[in-house]
PDB file of N, CA and C in Angstrom:
ATOM      1  N   UNK A   1     -13.229  10.865  22.051  1.00  0.00           N
ATOM      2  CA  UNK A   1     -11.974  11.474  21.650  1.00  0.00           C
ATOM      3  C   UNK A   1     -10.841  10.481  21.919  1.00  0.00           C
ATOM      4  N   UNK A   2      -9.897  10.429  21.004  1.00  0.00           N
ATOM      5  CA  UNK A   2      -8.763   9.526  21.168  1.00  0.00           C
ATOM      6  C   UNK A   2      -7.814  10.041  22.239  1.00  0.00           C
ATOM      7  N   UNK A   3      -7.287   9.125  23.013  1.00  0.00           N
ATOM      8  CA  UNK A   3      -6.278   9.474  23.995  1.00  0.00           C
ATOM      9  C   UNK A   3      -4.935   8.994  23.481  1.00  0.00           C
ATOM     10  N   UNK A   4      -3.859   9.497  24.066  1.00  0.00           N
ATOM     11  CA  UNK A   4      -2.527   9.123  23.597  1.00  0.00           C
ATOM     12  C   UNK A   4      -2.295   7.621  23.698  1.00  0.00           C
ATOM     13  N   UNK A   5      -2.877   6.965  24.688  1.00  0.00           N
ATOM     14  CA  UNK A   5      -2.707   5.512  24.809  1.00  0.00           C
ATOM     15  C   UNK A   5      -3.403   4.781  23.672  1.00  0.00           C
ATOM     16  N   UNK A   6      -4.518   5.337  23.147  1.00  0.00           N
ATOM     17  CA  UNK A   6      -5.211   4.741  22.011  1.00  0.00           C
ATOM     18  C   UNK A   6      -4.343   4.803  20.760  1.00  0.00           C
ATOM     19  N   UNK A   7      -3.645   5.901  20.586  1.00  0.00           N
ATOM     20  CA  UNK A   7      -2.790   6.088  19.415  1.00  0.00           C
ATOM     21  C   UNK A   7      -1.536   5.231  19.529  1.00  0.00           C
ATOM     22  N   UNK A   8      -0.985   5.126  20.722  1.00  0.00           N
ATOM     23  CA  UNK A   8       0.241   4.356  20.925  1.00  0.00           C
ATOM     24  C   UNK A   8       0.005   2.856  20.831  1.00  0.00           C
ATOM     25  N   UNK A   9      -1.205   2.408  21.106  1.00  0.00           N
ATOM     26  CA  UNK A   9      -1.532   0.979  21.097  1.00  0.00           C
ATOM     27  C   UNK A   9      -2.794   0.730  20.278  1.00  0.00           C
ATOM     28  N   UNK A  10      -2.710   0.871  18.955  1.00  0.00           N
ATOM     29  CA  UNK A  10      -3.910   0.669  18.133  1.00  0.00           C
ATOM     30  C   UNK A  10      -4.361  -0.791  18.181  1.00  0.00           C
ATOM     31  N   UNK A  11      -5.651  -1.030  17.973  1.00  0.00           N
ATOM     32  CA  UNK A  11      -6.142  -2.405  17.982  1.00  0.00           C
ATOM     33  C   UNK A  11      -5.594  -3.199  16.792  1.00  0.00           C
ATOM     34  N   UNK A  12      -5.581  -4.518  16.890  1.00  0.00           N
ATOM     35  CA  UNK A  12      -5.041  -5.354  15.810  1.00  0.00           C
ATOM     36  C   UNK A  12      -5.694  -5.098  14.453  1.00  0.00           C
ATOM     37  N   UNK A  13      -7.002  -4.814  14.430  1.00  0.00           N
ATOM     38  CA  UNK A  13      -7.680  -4.553  13.153  1.00  0.00           C
ATOM     39  C   UNK A  13      -7.077  -3.336  12.456  1.00  0.00           C
ATOM     40  N   UNK A  14      -6.752  -2.315  13.235  1.00  0.00           N
ATOM     41  CA  UNK A  14      -6.143  -1.111  12.671  1.00  0.00           C
ATOM     42  C   UNK A  14      -4.768  -1.423  12.104  1.00  0.00           C
ATOM     43  N   UNK A  15      -3.989  -2.188  12.839  1.00  0.00           N
ATOM     44  CA  UNK A  15      -2.654  -2.559  12.356  1.00  0.00           C
ATOM     45  C   UNK A  15      -2.740  -3.372  11.070  1.00  0.00           C
ATOM     46  N   UNK A  16      -3.712  -4.271  10.984  1.00  0.00           N
ATOM     47  CA  UNK A  16      -3.877  -5.067   9.765  1.00  0.00           C
ATOM     48  C   UNK A  16      -4.276  -4.197   8.576  1.00  0.00           C
ATOM     49  N   UNK A  17      -5.130  -3.181   8.814  1.00  0.00           N
ATOM     50  CA  UNK A  17      -5.505  -2.264   7.721  1.00  0.00           C
ATOM     51  C   UNK A  17      -4.297  -1.447   7.270  1.00  0.00           C
ATOM     52  N   UNK A  18      -3.453  -1.039   8.210  1.00  0.00           N
ATOM     53  CA  UNK A  18      -2.238  -0.290   7.866  1.00  0.00           C
ATOM     54  C   UNK A  18      -1.302  -1.156   7.038  1.00  0.00           C
ATOM     55  N   UNK A  19      -1.101  -2.396   7.453  1.00  0.00           N
ATOM     56  CA  UNK A  19      -0.224  -3.304   6.703  1.00  0.00           C
ATOM     57  C   UNK A  19      -0.777  -3.551   5.309  1.00  0.00           C
ATOM     58  N   UNK A  20      -2.093  -3.731   5.193  1.00  0.00           N
ATOM     59  CA  UNK A  20      -2.709  -3.943   3.881  1.00  0.00           C
ATOM     60  C   UNK A  20      -2.499  -2.725   2.981  1.00  0.00           C
ATOM     61  N   UNK A  21      -2.641  -1.528   3.544  1.00  0.00           N
ATOM     62  CA  UNK A  21      -2.430  -0.308   2.759  1.00  0.00           C
ATOM     63  C   UNK A  21      -0.975  -0.187   2.320  1.00  0.00           C
ATOM     64  N   UNK A  22      -0.049  -0.466   3.226  1.00  0.00           N
ATOM     65  CA  UNK A  22       1.372  -0.404   2.871  1.00  0.00           C
ATOM     66  C   UNK A  22       1.711  -1.418   1.785  1.00  0.00           C
ATOM     67  N   UNK A  23       1.126  -2.600   1.873  1.00  0.00           N
ATOM     68  CA  UNK A  23       1.366  -3.638   0.872  1.00  0.00           C
ATOM     69  C   UNK A  23       0.852  -3.200  -0.492  1.00  0.00           C
ATOM     70  N   UNK A  24      -0.341  -2.623  -0.525  1.00  0.00           N
ATOM     71  CA  UNK A  24      -0.913  -2.170  -1.794  1.00  0.00           C
ATOM     72  C   UNK A  24      -0.092  -1.026  -2.379  1.00  0.00           C
ATOM     73  N   UNK A  25       0.345  -0.100  -1.557  1.00  0.00           N
ATOM     74  CA  UNK A  25       1.169   1.015  -2.044  1.00  0.00           C
ATOM     75  C   UNK A  25       2.484   0.487  -2.603  1.00  0.00           C
ATOM     76  N   UNK A  26       3.085  -0.481  -1.932  1.00  0.00           N
ATOM     77  CA  UNK A  26       4.325  -1.081  -2.444  1.00  0.00           C
ATOM     78  C   UNK A  26       4.074  -1.781  -3.777  1.00  0.00           C
ATOM     79  N   UNK A  27       2.920  -2.436  -3.903  1.00  0.00           N
ATOM     80  CA  UNK A  27       2.585  -3.122  -5.151  1.00  0.00           C
ATOM     81  C   UNK A  27       2.407  -2.127  -6.295  1.00  0.00           C
ATOM     82  N   UNK A  28       1.825  -0.970  -5.998  1.00  0.00           N
ATOM     83  CA  UNK A  28       1.604   0.044  -7.027  1.00  0.00           C
ATOM     84  C   UNK A  28       2.914   0.679  -7.484  1.00  0.00           C
ATOM     85  N   UNK A  29       3.902   0.666  -6.628  1.00  0.00           N
ATOM     86  CA  UNK A  29       5.230   1.148  -7.003  1.00  0.00           C
ATOM     87  C   UNK A  29       5.287   2.648  -7.219  1.00  0.00           C
ATOM     88  N   UNK A  30       5.960   3.044  -8.282  1.00  0.00           N
ATOM     89  CA  UNK A  30       6.230   4.463  -8.532  1.00  0.00           C
ATOM     90  C   UNK A  30       5.137   5.164  -9.330  1.00  0.00           C
ATOM     91  N   UNK A  31       4.016   4.508  -9.546  1.00  0.00           N
ATOM     92  CA  UNK A  31       2.897   5.120 -10.272  1.00  0.00           C
ATOM     93  C   UNK A  31       2.145   6.040  -9.306  1.00  0.00           C
ATOM     94  N   UNK A  32       2.589   7.296  -9.251  1.00  0.00           N
ATOM     95  CA  UNK A  32       2.061   8.243  -8.269  1.00  0.00           C
ATOM     96  C   UNK A  32       0.554   8.428  -8.400  1.00  0.00           C
ATOM     97  N   UNK A  33       0.052   8.472  -9.627  1.00  0.00           N
ATOM     98  CA  UNK A  33      -1.388   8.638  -9.827  1.00  0.00           C
ATOM     99  C   UNK A  33      -2.184   7.509  -9.197  1.00  0.00           C
ATOM    100  N   UNK A  34      -1.710   6.285  -9.383  1.00  0.00           N
ATOM    101  CA  UNK A  34      -2.395   5.128  -8.796  1.00  0.00           C
ATOM    102  C   UNK A  34      -2.295   5.133  -7.274  1.00  0.00           C
ATOM    103  N   UNK A  35      -1.136   5.508  -6.762  1.00  0.00           N
ATOM    104  CA  UNK A  35      -0.961   5.575  -5.306  1.00  0.00           C
ATOM    105  C   UNK A  35      -1.902   6.623  -4.719  1.00  0.00           C
ATOM    106  N   UNK A  36      -1.966   7.798  -5.333  1.00  0.00           N
ATOM    107  CA  UNK A  36      -2.833   8.860  -4.822  1.00  0.00           C
ATOM    108  C   UNK A  36      -4.304   8.456  -4.905  1.00  0.00           C
ATOM    109  N   UNK A  37      -4.703   7.799  -5.995  1.00  0.00           N
ATOM    110  CA  UNK A  37      -6.086   7.338  -6.133  1.00  0.00           C
ATOM    111  C   UNK A  37      -6.416   6.320  -5.043  1.00  0.00           C
ATOM    112  N   UNK A  38      -5.488   5.406  -4.792  1.00  0.00           N
ATOM    113  CA  UNK A  38      -5.698   4.397  -3.748  1.00  0.00           C
ATOM    114  C   UNK A  38      -5.836   5.057  -2.375  1.00  0.00           C
ATOM    115  N   UNK A  39      -4.943   5.979  -2.062  1.00  0.00           N
ATOM    116  CA  UNK A  39      -4.975   6.650  -0.760  1.00  0.00           C
ATOM    117  C   UNK A  39      -6.272   7.451  -0.603  1.00  0.00           C
ATOM    118  N   UNK A  40      -6.689   8.141  -1.658  1.00  0.00           N
ATOM    119  CA  UNK A  40      -7.938   8.903  -1.593  1.00  0.00           C
ATOM    120  C   UNK A  40      -9.131   7.980  -1.364  1.00  0.00           C
ATOM    121  N   UNK A  41      -9.180   6.863  -2.080  1.00  0.00           N
ATOM    122  CA  UNK A  41     -10.268   5.893  -1.895  1.00  0.00           C
ATOM    123  C   UNK A  41     -10.291   5.358  -0.468  1.00  0.00           C
ATOM    124  N   UNK A  42      -9.122   5.046   0.069  1.00  0.00           N
ATOM    125  CA  UNK A  42      -9.044   4.523   1.432  1.00  0.00           C
ATOM    126  C   UNK A  42      -9.466   5.578   2.451  1.00  0.00           C
ATOM    127  N   UNK A  43      -9.104   6.832   2.211  1.00  0.00           N
ATOM    128  CA  UNK A  43      -9.493   7.909   3.129  1.00  0.00           C
ATOM    129  C   UNK A  43     -11.009   8.066   3.148  1.00  0.00           C
ATOM    130  N   UNK A  44     -11.626   8.029   1.967  1.00  0.00           N
ATOM    131  CA  UNK A  44     -13.087   8.134   1.887  1.00  0.00           C
ATOM    132  C   UNK A  44     -13.734   6.961   2.610  1.00  0.00           C
ATOM    133  N   UNK A  45     -13.209   5.763   2.395  1.00  0.00           N
ATOM    134  CA  UNK A  45     -13.738   4.568   3.058  1.00  0.00           C
ATOM    135  C   UNK A  45     -13.654   4.706   4.581  1.00  0.00           C
ATOM    136  N   UNK A  46     -12.520   5.169   5.079  1.00  0.00           N
ATOM    137  CA  UNK A  46     -12.336   5.290   6.530  1.00  0.00           C
ATOM    138  C   UNK A  46     -13.266   6.342   7.126  1.00  0.00           C
ATOM    139  N   UNK A  47     -13.489   7.441   6.402  1.00  0.00           N
ATOM    140  CA  UNK A  47     -14.404   8.473   6.901  1.00  0.00           C
ATOM    141  C   UNK A  47     -15.817   7.913   6.968  1.00  0.00           C
ATOM    142  N   UNK A  48     -16.246   7.235   5.902  1.00  0.00           N
ATOM    143  CA  UNK A  48     -17.593   6.657   5.898  1.00  0.00           C
ATOM    144  C   UNK A  48     -17.732   5.594   6.978  1.00  0.00           C
ATOM    145  N   UNK A  49     -16.698   4.811   7.192  1.00  0.00           N
ATOM    146  CA  UNK A  49     -16.727   3.739   8.184  1.00  0.00           C
ATOM    147  C   UNK A  49     -16.818   4.298   9.603  1.00  0.00           C
ATOM    148  N   UNK A  50     -16.234   5.461   9.826  1.00  0.00           N
ATOM    149  CA  UNK A  50     -16.192   6.024  11.176  1.00  0.00           C
ATOM    150  C   UNK A  50     -17.441   6.820  11.535  1.00  0.00           C
ATOM    151  N   UNK A  51     -18.265   7.135  10.540  1.00  0.00           N
ATOM    152  CA  UNK A  51     -19.476   7.909  10.817  1.00  0.00           C
ATOM    153  C   UNK A  51     -20.648   6.978  11.089  1.00  0.00           C
ATOM    154  N   UNK A  52     -21.524   7.377  11.999  1.00  0.00           N
ATOM    155  CA  UNK A  52     -22.726   6.561  12.227  1.00  0.00           C
ATOM    156  C   UNK A  52     -23.632   6.619  11.002  1.00  0.00           C
ATOM    157  N   UNK A  53     -24.463   5.609  10.862  1.00  0.00           N
ATOM    158  CA  UNK A  53     -25.379   5.544   9.721  1.00  0.00           C
ATOM    159  C   UNK A  53     -26.297   6.761   9.731  1.00  0.00           C
ATOM    160  N   UNK A  54     -26.445   7.361   8.574  1.00  0.00           N
ATOM    161  CA  UNK A  54     -27.348   8.501   8.443  1.00  0.00           C
ATOM    162  C   UNK A  54     -28.552   8.077   7.620  1.00  0.00           C
ATOM    163  N   UNK A  55     -29.694   8.646   7.920  1.00  0.00           N
ATOM    164  CA  UNK A  55     -30.908   8.306   7.180  1.00  0.00           C
ATOM    165  C   UNK A  55     -30.768   8.728   5.725  1.00  0.00           C
ATOM    166  N   UNK A  56     -31.211   7.859   4.849  1.00  0.00           N
ATOM    167  CA  UNK A  56     -31.216   8.182   3.427  1.00  0.00           C
ATOM    168  C   UNK A  56     -32.356   9.159   3.162  1.00  0.00           C
ATOM    169  N   UNK A  57     -32.233   9.927   2.114  1.00  0.00           N
ATOM    170  CA  UNK A  57     -33.252  10.904   1.780  1.00  0.00           C
ATOM    171  C   UNK A  57     -34.613  10.225   1.603  1.00  0.00           C
ATOM    172  N   UNK A  58     -34.636   9.025   1.012  1.00  0.00           N
ATOM    173  CA  UNK A  58     -35.886   8.305   0.790  1.00  0.00           C
ATOM    174  C   UNK A  58     -36.494   7.799   2.095  1.00  0.00           C
ATOM    175  N   UNK A  59     -35.686   7.654   3.132  1.00  0.00           N
ATOM    176  CA  UNK A  59     -36.169   7.147   4.412  1.00  0.00           C
ATOM    177  C   UNK A  59     -36.880   8.214   5.239  1.00  0.00           C
ATOM    178  N   UNK A  60     -36.676   9.471   4.887  1.00  0.00           N
ATOM    179  CA  UNK A  60     -37.237  10.568   5.670  1.00  0.00           C
ATOM    180  C   UNK A  60     -38.652  10.844   5.188  1.00  0.00           C
ATOM    181  N   UNK A  61     -39.592  10.869   6.121  1.00  0.00           N
ATOM    182  CA  UNK A  61     -40.976  11.177   5.756  1.00  0.00           C
ATOM    183  C   UNK A  61     -41.277  12.614   6.121  1.00  0.00           C
ATOM    184  N   UNK A  62     -42.071  13.248   5.292  1.00  0.00           N
ATOM    185  CA  UNK A  62     -42.394  14.657   5.510  1.00  0.00           C
ATOM    186  C   UNK A  62     -43.529  14.824   6.477  1.00  0.00           C
TER     187      UNK A  62
END
């Protein structure tokens, strides 16, 4: 579980990902559809990145 000190002092990798996202959003400008698509893609990526690897259906033996 995250503690308040973790949130107040994120690691450099997190800060770099935030800056990259802000840069891309600024590049997309006022195209709301593109901004929303980008944010949704990044959210999916972050969720997948934060979860441990799960066995694929083909990897499971009966």
